[in-house]
Amino acid sequence: MMYELRPYQNDLIKKIINSMKHHHRVIIVQSPPRTGKTVVMAEIARRTTAKNNRVLFMIHRREVLKQAIDTFKDQGVNPDLLTAGMVQTLTRRIDKLKKPNVILVDEAHHALAKSYQRILKQFPQAIVLLFTATPHRTGRQQLDQIADDIIVGQSIHELTEKG
């Protein structure tokens, strides 16, 4: 059962594609909680694997990993071209990972942590999409230090007004 993306989700994907056309490689994608970021990532992964390209999906919580994999499967992502796992596991197996064309990072406000950076630096040619509801983090380092662009999705207020 493929998900039919909502207009604001399609708009987010169009903005990501436009950013990549401008040669941005590391892109923050900010969208509020409960707006279907996983569905957007699954659609990007579907389009990527449909072109016979590899996707690496990283997340930091085990309980969300299974839900995300199920969403990717429902969306028609080619499982032979998808590597999905928790950052802690992926960083231990970094030498065995196949080179991805696209890296999707869920809850990317964690992406400055050493474990994430170890993986991201292993694949410097990959497009990296950093999905988060909260691009700001505590401490001195911020995501914009590693990103070329930020795409801001519609606010909860805008989405609520549209029903």
N, C-alpha and C. Protein backbone atom coordinates (compact mmCIF):
# COMPACT_ATOMS: atom_id res chain seq x y z
N MET A 1 0.84 -1.19 0.00
CA MET A 1 0.00 0.00 0.00
C MET A 1 0.89 1.25 0.00
N MET A 2 0.99 1.88 -1.13
CA MET A 2 1.78 3.12 -1.20
C MET A 2 1.01 4.28 -0.58
N TYR A 3 1.74 5.16 0.05
CA TYR A 3 1.14 6.36 0.62
C TYR A 3 0.99 7.41 -0.46
N GLU A 4 -0.14 8.07 -0.47
CA GLU A 4 -0.31 9.22 -1.36
C GLU A 4 0.15 10.44 -0.58
N LEU A 5 1.18 11.07 -1.09
CA LEU A 5 1.72 12.21 -0.37
C LEU A 5 0.77 13.40 -0.40
N ARG A 6 0.78 14.13 0.67
CA ARG A 6 -0.02 15.35 0.76
C ARG A 6 0.70 16.46 -0.01
N PRO A 7 -0.03 17.50 -0.41
CA PRO A 7 0.61 18.57 -1.18
C PRO A 7 1.84 19.16 -0.49
N TYR A 8 1.81 19.37 0.81
CA TYR A 8 2.96 19.96 1.50
C TYR A 8 4.15 19.00 1.51
N GLN A 9 3.89 17.68 1.47
CA GLN A 9 4.98 16.71 1.41
C GLN A 9 5.61 16.71 0.01
N ASN A 10 4.78 16.76 -1.02
CA ASN A 10 5.30 16.87 -2.38
C ASN A 10 6.10 18.16 -2.56
N ASP A 11 5.62 19.23 -1.95
CA ASP A 11 6.32 20.51 -2.02
C ASP A 11 7.71 20.40 -1.38
N LEU A 12 7.78 19.71 -0.26
CA LEU A 12 9.06 19.50 0.42
C LEU A 12 10.03 18.75 -0.50
N ILE A 13 9.56 17.71 -1.17
CA ILE A 13 10.41 16.95 -2.09
C ILE A 13 10.86 17.82 -3.26
N LYS A 14 9.96 18.64 -3.80
CA LYS A 14 10.34 19.55 -4.89
C LYS A 14 11.45 20.51 -4.43
N LYS A 15 11.34 21.01 -3.22
CA LYS A 15 12.36 21.92 -2.68
C LYS A 15 13.69 21.20 -2.50
N ILE A 16 13.66 19.94 -2.08
CA ILE A 16 14.88 19.15 -1.92
C ILE A 16 15.55 18.97 -3.29
N ILE A 17 14.75 18.58 -4.28
CA ILE A 17 15.29 18.37 -5.64
C ILE A 17 15.89 19.67 -6.17
N ASN A 18 15.21 20.77 -5.96
CA ASN A 18 15.72 22.07 -6.40
C ASN A 18 17.05 22.41 -5.72
N SER A 19 17.14 22.12 -4.44
CA SER A 19 18.38 22.37 -3.70
C SER A 19 19.52 21.52 -4.27
N MET A 20 19.23 20.26 -4.59
CA MET A 20 20.26 19.40 -5.16
C MET A 20 20.68 19.90 -6.55
N LYS A 21 19.74 20.46 -7.30
CA LYS A 21 20.08 21.02 -8.62
C LYS A 21 21.05 22.20 -8.48
N HIS A 22 21.04 22.83 -7.32
CA HIS A 22 21.96 23.93 -7.04
C HIS A 22 23.25 23.41 -6.38
N HIS A 23 23.48 22.12 -6.52
CA HIS A 23 24.72 21.46 -6.07
C HIS A 23 24.88 21.43 -4.56
N HIS A 24 23.79 21.53 -3.82
CA HIS A 24 23.88 21.35 -2.38
C HIS A 24 23.91 19.84 -2.12
N ARG A 25 24.81 19.42 -1.24
CA ARG A 25 24.99 17.99 -0.98
C ARG A 25 24.47 17.60 0.41
N VAL A 26 24.59 18.48 1.38
CA VAL A 26 24.10 18.21 2.74
C VAL A 26 23.00 19.21 3.03
N ILE A 27 21.77 18.70 3.17
CA ILE A 27 20.59 19.56 3.25
C ILE A 27 19.80 19.23 4.51
N ILE A 28 19.53 20.26 5.31
CA ILE A 28 18.64 20.11 6.46
C ILE A 28 17.22 20.24 5.95
N VAL A 29 16.35 19.31 6.35
CA VAL A 29 14.94 19.35 5.98
C VAL A 29 14.15 19.44 7.29
N GLN A 30 13.64 20.62 7.58
CA GLN A 30 12.92 20.86 8.83
C GLN A 30 11.43 20.82 8.57
N SER A 31 10.74 20.00 9.35
CA SER A 31 9.29 19.91 9.26
C SER A 31 8.76 19.57 10.65
N PRO A 32 7.63 20.14 11.06
CA PRO A 32 7.13 19.92 12.42
C PRO A 32 6.84 18.45 12.71
N PRO A 33 6.75 18.11 14.00
CA PRO A 33 6.38 16.74 14.38
C PRO A 33 5.03 16.34 13.77
N ARG A 34 4.90 15.08 13.46
CA ARG A 34 3.64 14.48 12.99
C ARG A 34 3.21 14.99 11.61
N THR A 35 4.18 15.40 10.79
CA THR A 35 3.84 15.86 9.44
C THR A 35 4.30 14.87 8.37
N GLY A 36 4.68 13.67 8.78
CA GLY A 36 5.00 12.63 7.82
C GLY A 36 6.39 12.69 7.23
N LYS A 37 7.37 13.04 8.05
CA LYS A 37 8.75 13.07 7.54
C LYS A 37 9.19 11.68 7.08
N THR A 38 8.75 10.64 7.78
CA THR A 38 9.13 9.28 7.39
C THR A 38 8.55 8.92 6.03
N VAL A 39 7.33 9.34 5.76
CA VAL A 39 6.71 9.08 4.46
C VAL A 39 7.48 9.82 3.36
N VAL A 40 7.90 11.05 3.65
CA VAL A 40 8.70 11.81 2.67
C VAL A 40 10.03 11.09 2.43
N MET A 41 10.69 10.63 3.49
CA MET A 41 11.94 9.90 3.32
C MET A 41 11.72 8.62 2.53
N ALA A 42 10.62 7.93 2.80
CA ALA A 42 10.31 6.69 2.07
C ALA A 42 10.11 6.97 0.58
N GLU A 43 9.45 8.06 0.25
CA GLU A 43 9.24 8.41 -1.15
C GLU A 43 10.57 8.77 -1.83
N ILE A 44 11.42 9.49 -1.13
CA ILE A 44 12.75 9.80 -1.67
C ILE A 44 13.53 8.50 -1.87
N ALA A 45 13.47 7.60 -0.90
CA ALA A 45 14.15 6.31 -1.02
C ALA A 45 13.58 5.49 -2.18
N ARG A 46 12.28 5.52 -2.37
CA ARG A 46 11.65 4.79 -3.48
C ARG A 46 12.17 5.32 -4.82
N ARG A 47 12.16 6.64 -4.96
CA ARG A 47 12.63 7.25 -6.21
C ARG A 47 14.12 6.94 -6.44
N THR A 48 14.89 6.94 -5.37
CA THR A 48 16.33 6.69 -5.48
C THR A 48 16.59 5.25 -5.89
N THR A 49 15.94 4.30 -5.21
CA THR A 49 16.18 2.89 -5.54
C THR A 49 15.57 2.53 -6.89
N ALA A 50 14.53 3.23 -7.32
CA ALA A 50 13.95 2.98 -8.64
C ALA A 50 14.95 3.32 -9.75
N LYS A 51 15.90 4.19 -9.44
CA LYS A 51 16.97 4.54 -10.40
C LYS A 51 18.21 3.68 -10.18
N ASN A 52 18.03 2.60 -9.41
CA ASN A 52 19.10 1.64 -9.12
C ASN A 52 20.23 2.24 -8.29
N ASN A 53 19.90 3.23 -7.46
CA ASN A 53 20.86 3.85 -6.56
C ASN A 53 20.62 3.36 -5.14
N ARG A 54 21.67 3.38 -4.33
CA ARG A 54 21.60 2.88 -2.95
C ARG A 54 21.22 3.99 -1.96
N VAL A 55 20.49 3.59 -0.92
CA VAL A 55 20.07 4.49 0.15
C VAL A 55 20.53 3.92 1.49
N LEU A 56 21.03 4.81 2.33
CA LEU A 56 21.35 4.47 3.72
C LEU A 56 20.43 5.30 4.60
N PHE A 57 19.68 4.64 5.47
CA PHE A 57 18.77 5.32 6.40
C PHE A 57 19.28 5.11 7.81
N MET A 58 19.48 6.22 8.53
CA MET A 58 20.00 6.16 9.90
C MET A 58 19.00 6.75 10.87
N ILE A 59 18.89 6.09 12.01
CA ILE A 59 18.00 6.56 13.07
C ILE A 59 18.66 6.20 14.40
N HIS A 60 18.24 6.82 15.47
CA HIS A 60 18.93 6.53 16.73
C HIS A 60 18.08 5.76 17.75
N ARG A 61 16.82 5.47 17.42
CA ARG A 61 15.98 4.75 18.38
C ARG A 61 15.43 3.47 17.76
N ARG A 62 15.62 2.36 18.43
CA ARG A 62 15.21 1.04 17.95
C ARG A 62 13.70 0.97 17.70
N GLU A 63 12.90 1.55 18.59
CA GLU A 63 11.45 1.43 18.46
C GLU A 63 10.90 2.13 17.21
N VAL A 64 11.61 3.10 16.71
CA VAL A 64 11.16 3.82 15.52
C VAL A 64 11.70 3.16 14.24
N LEU A 65 12.79 2.40 14.35
CA LEU A 65 13.40 1.78 13.18
C LEU A 65 12.43 0.83 12.47
N LYS A 66 11.77 -0.04 13.20
CA LYS A 66 10.85 -1.00 12.57
C LYS A 66 9.71 -0.29 11.85
N GLN A 67 9.15 0.74 12.49
CA GLN A 67 8.07 1.52 11.85
C GLN A 67 8.58 2.15 10.55
N ALA A 68 9.77 2.69 10.57
CA ALA A 68 10.33 3.33 9.38
C ALA A 68 10.54 2.30 8.27
N ILE A 69 11.10 1.15 8.61
CA ILE A 69 11.33 0.10 7.61
C ILE A 69 10.00 -0.34 7.00
N ASP A 70 8.97 -0.49 7.84
CA ASP A 70 7.64 -0.86 7.33
C ASP A 70 7.10 0.20 6.37
N THR A 71 7.31 1.47 6.69
CA THR A 71 6.87 2.56 5.81
C THR A 71 7.62 2.51 4.49
N PHE A 72 8.92 2.27 4.54
CA PHE A 72 9.72 2.17 3.32
C PHE A 72 9.22 1.01 2.46
N LYS A 73 8.92 -0.12 3.11
CA LYS A 73 8.42 -1.29 2.38
C LYS A 73 7.07 -0.97 1.73
N ASP A 74 6.17 -0.35 2.50
CA ASP A 74 4.84 0.03 1.98
C ASP A 74 4.95 0.98 0.80
N GLN A 75 5.98 1.82 0.79
CA GLN A 75 6.14 2.82 -0.26
C GLN A 75 6.81 2.24 -1.51
N GLY A 76 7.27 0.99 -1.42
CA GLY A 76 7.83 0.35 -2.60
C GLY A 76 9.32 0.54 -2.78
N VAL A 77 10.03 0.83 -1.70
CA VAL A 77 11.49 0.97 -1.76
C VAL A 77 12.09 -0.41 -2.04
N ASN A 78 13.05 -0.48 -2.95
CA ASN A 78 13.73 -1.73 -3.26
C ASN A 78 14.60 -2.12 -2.06
N PRO A 79 14.25 -3.20 -1.35
CA PRO A 79 15.00 -3.56 -0.15
C PRO A 79 16.45 -3.98 -0.42
N ASP A 80 16.73 -4.40 -1.67
CA ASP A 80 18.10 -4.79 -2.01
C ASP A 80 19.04 -3.59 -2.10
N LEU A 81 18.45 -2.40 -2.24
CA LEU A 81 19.26 -1.18 -2.37
C LEU A 81 19.15 -0.28 -1.14
N LEU A 82 18.53 -0.79 -0.08
CA LEU A 82 18.33 -0.03 1.15
C LEU A 82 19.09 -0.67 2.30
N THR A 83 19.86 0.15 2.99
CA THR A 83 20.45 -0.24 4.27
C THR A 83 19.82 0.67 5.31
N ALA A 84 19.16 0.07 6.29
CA ALA A 84 18.50 0.86 7.34
C ALA A 84 18.93 0.31 8.69
N GLY A 85 19.29 1.22 9.58
CA GLY A 85 19.70 0.75 10.89
C GLY A 85 19.91 1.89 11.87
N MET A 86 20.15 1.45 13.09
CA MET A 86 20.45 2.41 14.14
C MET A 86 21.91 2.85 13.99
N VAL A 87 22.14 4.10 14.31
CA VAL A 87 23.48 4.67 14.17
C VAL A 87 24.51 3.83 14.92
N GLN A 88 24.16 3.40 16.11
CA GLN A 88 25.11 2.64 16.93
C GLN A 88 25.54 1.36 16.21
N THR A 89 24.62 0.69 15.54
CA THR A 89 24.93 -0.54 14.80
C THR A 89 25.71 -0.22 13.54
N LEU A 90 25.24 0.78 12.80
CA LEU A 90 25.89 1.13 11.53
C LEU A 90 27.34 1.57 11.73
N THR A 91 27.60 2.30 12.80
CA THR A 91 28.97 2.77 13.02
C THR A 91 29.91 1.61 13.35
N ARG A 92 29.39 0.56 13.98
CA ARG A 92 30.21 -0.63 14.27
C ARG A 92 30.48 -1.43 12.99
N ARG A 93 29.59 -1.32 12.02
CA ARG A 93 29.71 -2.09 10.77
C ARG A 93 30.11 -1.21 9.58
N ILE A 94 30.70 -0.08 9.86
CA ILE A 94 30.95 0.93 8.83
C ILE A 94 31.77 0.38 7.65
N ASP A 95 32.71 -0.51 7.93
CA ASP A 95 33.54 -1.04 6.85
C ASP A 95 32.80 -2.02 5.95
N LYS A 96 31.66 -2.51 6.40
CA LYS A 96 30.87 -3.46 5.61
C LYS A 96 29.72 -2.79 4.85
N LEU A 97 29.50 -1.50 5.11
CA LEU A 97 28.38 -0.80 4.47
C LEU A 97 28.68 -0.56 3.00
N LYS A 98 27.67 -0.80 2.17
CA LYS A 98 27.81 -0.51 0.74
C LYS A 98 27.64 1.00 0.55
N LYS A 99 28.39 1.52 -0.41
CA LYS A 99 28.42 2.96 -0.65
C LYS A 99 27.04 3.47 -1.09
N PRO A 100 26.42 4.35 -0.29
CA PRO A 100 25.11 4.89 -0.67
C PRO A 100 25.23 6.11 -1.58
N ASN A 101 24.20 6.31 -2.39
CA ASN A 101 24.10 7.54 -3.18
C ASN A 101 23.41 8.62 -2.37
N VAL A 102 22.45 8.18 -1.52
CA VAL A 102 21.68 9.10 -0.68
C VAL A 102 21.69 8.56 0.75
N ILE A 103 21.94 9.46 1.70
CA ILE A 103 21.85 9.12 3.12
C ILE A 103 20.71 9.93 3.72
N LEU A 104 19.78 9.22 4.35
CA LEU A 104 18.65 9.85 5.03
C LEU A 104 18.87 9.73 6.53
N VAL A 105 18.86 10.86 7.21
CA VAL A 105 19.09 10.87 8.66
C VAL A 105 17.82 11.35 9.33
N ASP A 106 17.22 10.49 10.16
CA ASP A 106 16.03 10.85 10.90
C ASP A 106 16.45 11.45 12.25
N GLU A 107 15.66 12.38 12.73
CA GLU A 107 15.96 13.09 13.98
C GLU A 107 17.40 13.62 13.93
N ALA A 108 17.66 14.35 12.86
CA ALA A 108 19.02 14.75 12.50
C ALA A 108 19.65 15.78 13.43
N HIS A 109 18.91 16.28 14.39
CA HIS A 109 19.55 17.19 15.34
C HIS A 109 20.67 16.48 16.11
N HIS A 110 20.74 15.15 15.97
CA HIS A 110 21.83 14.37 16.59
C HIS A 110 23.03 14.22 15.66
N ALA A 111 22.95 14.70 14.43
CA ALA A 111 23.93 14.38 13.39
C ALA A 111 25.33 14.92 13.64
N LEU A 112 25.50 15.79 14.61
CA LEU A 112 26.85 16.28 14.92
C LEU A 112 27.58 15.36 15.90
N ALA A 113 26.88 14.36 16.43
CA ALA A 113 27.53 13.40 17.33
C ALA A 113 28.60 12.62 16.58
N LYS A 114 29.62 12.16 17.30
CA LYS A 114 30.75 11.47 16.67
C LYS A 114 30.32 10.26 15.85
N SER A 115 29.36 9.48 16.35
CA SER A 115 28.94 8.27 15.64
C SER A 115 28.32 8.61 14.29
N TYR A 116 27.50 9.63 14.25
CA TYR A 116 26.90 10.08 12.98
C TYR A 116 27.98 10.61 12.05
N GLN A 117 28.86 11.44 12.58
CA GLN A 117 29.89 12.05 11.76
C GLN A 117 30.84 10.99 11.18
N ARG A 118 31.10 9.96 11.93
CA ARG A 118 31.96 8.88 11.43
C ARG A 118 31.34 8.26 10.18
N ILE A 119 30.05 8.03 10.20
CA ILE A 119 29.36 7.44 9.04
C ILE A 119 29.30 8.43 7.89
N LEU A 120 28.90 9.66 8.17
CA LEU A 120 28.76 10.66 7.11
C LEU A 120 30.10 10.93 6.42
N LYS A 121 31.18 10.96 7.19
CA LYS A 121 32.50 11.22 6.61
C LYS A 121 33.01 10.03 5.79
N GLN A 122 32.48 8.86 6.04
CA GLN A 122 32.86 7.67 5.29
C GLN A 122 32.37 7.74 3.83
N PHE A 123 31.31 8.52 3.60
CA PHE A 123 30.69 8.60 2.27
C PHE A 123 30.58 10.05 1.82
N PRO A 124 31.71 10.69 1.51
CA PRO A 124 31.70 12.13 1.20
C PRO A 124 31.00 12.50 -0.10
N GLN A 125 30.74 11.54 -0.97
CA GLN A 125 30.08 11.85 -2.24
C GLN A 125 28.55 11.74 -2.15
N ALA A 126 28.03 11.15 -1.09
CA ALA A 126 26.59 10.93 -0.97
C ALA A 126 25.83 12.23 -0.73
N ILE A 127 24.62 12.28 -1.24
CA ILE A 127 23.68 13.35 -0.87
C ILE A 127 23.20 13.01 0.54
N VAL A 128 23.22 13.96 1.45
CA VAL A 128 22.81 13.74 2.83
C VAL A 128 21.61 14.63 3.13
N LEU A 129 20.50 14.00 3.50
CA LEU A 129 19.29 14.74 3.85
C LEU A 129 19.05 14.56 5.34
N LEU A 130 19.14 15.67 6.06
CA LEU A 130 19.05 15.69 7.52
C LEU A 130 17.64 16.11 7.94
N PHE A 131 16.78 15.14 8.22
CA PHE A 131 15.39 15.42 8.58
C PHE A 131 15.26 15.65 10.08
N THR A 132 14.59 16.74 10.44
CA THR A 132 14.39 17.04 11.85
C THR A 132 13.22 18.00 12.03
N ALA A 133 12.60 17.90 13.18
CA ALA A 133 11.58 18.89 13.54
C ALA A 133 12.25 20.08 14.23
N THR A 134 13.42 19.82 14.79
CA THR A 134 14.12 20.83 15.59
C THR A 134 15.57 20.95 15.15
N PRO A 135 15.87 21.82 14.17
CA PRO A 135 17.25 21.92 13.69
C PRO A 135 18.20 22.56 14.69
N HIS A 136 17.66 23.17 15.74
CA HIS A 136 18.52 23.79 16.75
C HIS A 136 18.82 22.77 17.83
N ARG A 137 20.05 22.80 18.32
CA ARG A 137 20.42 21.88 19.37
C ARG A 137 21.11 22.65 20.48
N THR A 138 21.18 22.03 21.65
CA THR A 138 21.87 22.68 22.75
C THR A 138 23.37 22.57 22.50
N GLY A 139 24.11 23.46 23.10
CA GLY A 139 25.56 23.46 22.89
C GLY A 139 25.96 24.43 21.80
N ARG A 140 27.25 24.44 21.49
CA ARG A 140 27.77 25.42 20.53
C ARG A 140 27.59 24.99 19.09
N GLN A 141 27.76 23.70 18.81
CA GLN A 141 27.68 23.26 17.42
C GLN A 141 26.23 23.18 16.95
N GLN A 142 25.99 23.69 15.74
CA GLN A 142 24.66 23.67 15.15
C GLN A 142 24.74 22.97 13.79
N LEU A 143 23.61 22.44 13.34
CA LEU A 143 23.57 21.69 12.09
C LEU A 143 24.04 22.50 10.88
N ASP A 144 23.80 23.81 10.91
CA ASP A 144 24.19 24.60 9.74
C ASP A 144 25.71 24.58 9.52
N GLN A 145 26.47 24.11 10.51
CA GLN A 145 27.91 24.00 10.34
C GLN A 145 28.30 22.88 9.38
N ILE A 146 27.41 21.92 9.19
CA ILE A 146 27.73 20.81 8.29
C ILE A 146 26.83 20.79 7.06
N ALA A 147 25.88 21.72 6.97
CA ALA A 147 24.91 21.71 5.87
C ALA A 147 25.17 22.81 4.86
N ASP A 148 24.76 22.54 3.61
CA ASP A 148 24.86 23.52 2.54
C ASP A 148 23.58 24.33 2.40
N ASP A 149 22.47 23.78 2.89
CA ASP A 149 21.17 24.42 2.69
C ASP A 149 20.22 23.94 3.78
N ILE A 150 19.18 24.72 4.00
CA ILE A 150 18.10 24.30 4.89
C ILE A 150 16.78 24.54 4.18
N ILE A 151 15.93 23.55 4.24
CA ILE A 151 14.59 23.65 3.67
C ILE A 151 13.61 23.60 4.84
N VAL A 152 12.81 24.63 4.94
CA VAL A 152 11.86 24.72 6.04
C VAL A 152 10.47 24.39 5.52
N GLY A 153 9.89 23.35 6.08
CA GLY A 153 8.53 22.96 5.71
C GLY A 153 7.52 23.92 6.31
N GLN A 154 6.27 23.70 5.99
CA GLN A 154 5.22 24.57 6.50
C GLN A 154 5.08 24.40 8.01
N SER A 155 4.66 25.47 8.66
CA SER A 155 4.50 25.45 10.12
C SER A 155 3.22 24.70 10.51
N ILE A 156 3.15 24.33 11.75
CA ILE A 156 1.93 23.67 12.25
C ILE A 156 0.73 24.60 12.06
N HIS A 157 0.94 25.89 12.29
CA HIS A 157 -0.15 26.87 12.10
C HIS A 157 -0.64 26.85 10.65
N GLU A 158 0.29 26.89 9.68
CA GLU A 158 -0.10 26.88 8.26
C GLU A 158 -0.82 25.57 7.90
N LEU A 159 -0.31 24.46 8.41
CA LEU A 159 -0.92 23.17 8.10
C LEU A 159 -2.30 23.04 8.73
N THR A 160 -2.46 23.57 9.94
CA THR A 160 -3.75 23.52 10.62
C THR A 160 -4.78 24.36 9.86
N GLU A 161 -4.35 25.52 9.38
CA GLU A 161 -5.26 26.38 8.60
C GLU A 161 -5.75 25.68 7.33
N LYS A 162 -4.91 24.81 6.78
CA LYS A 162 -5.26 24.10 5.55
C LYS A 162 -6.02 22.80 5.83
N GLY A 163 -6.26 22.53 7.10
CA GLY A 163 -7.03 21.35 7.47
C GLY A 163 -6.19 20.12 7.59
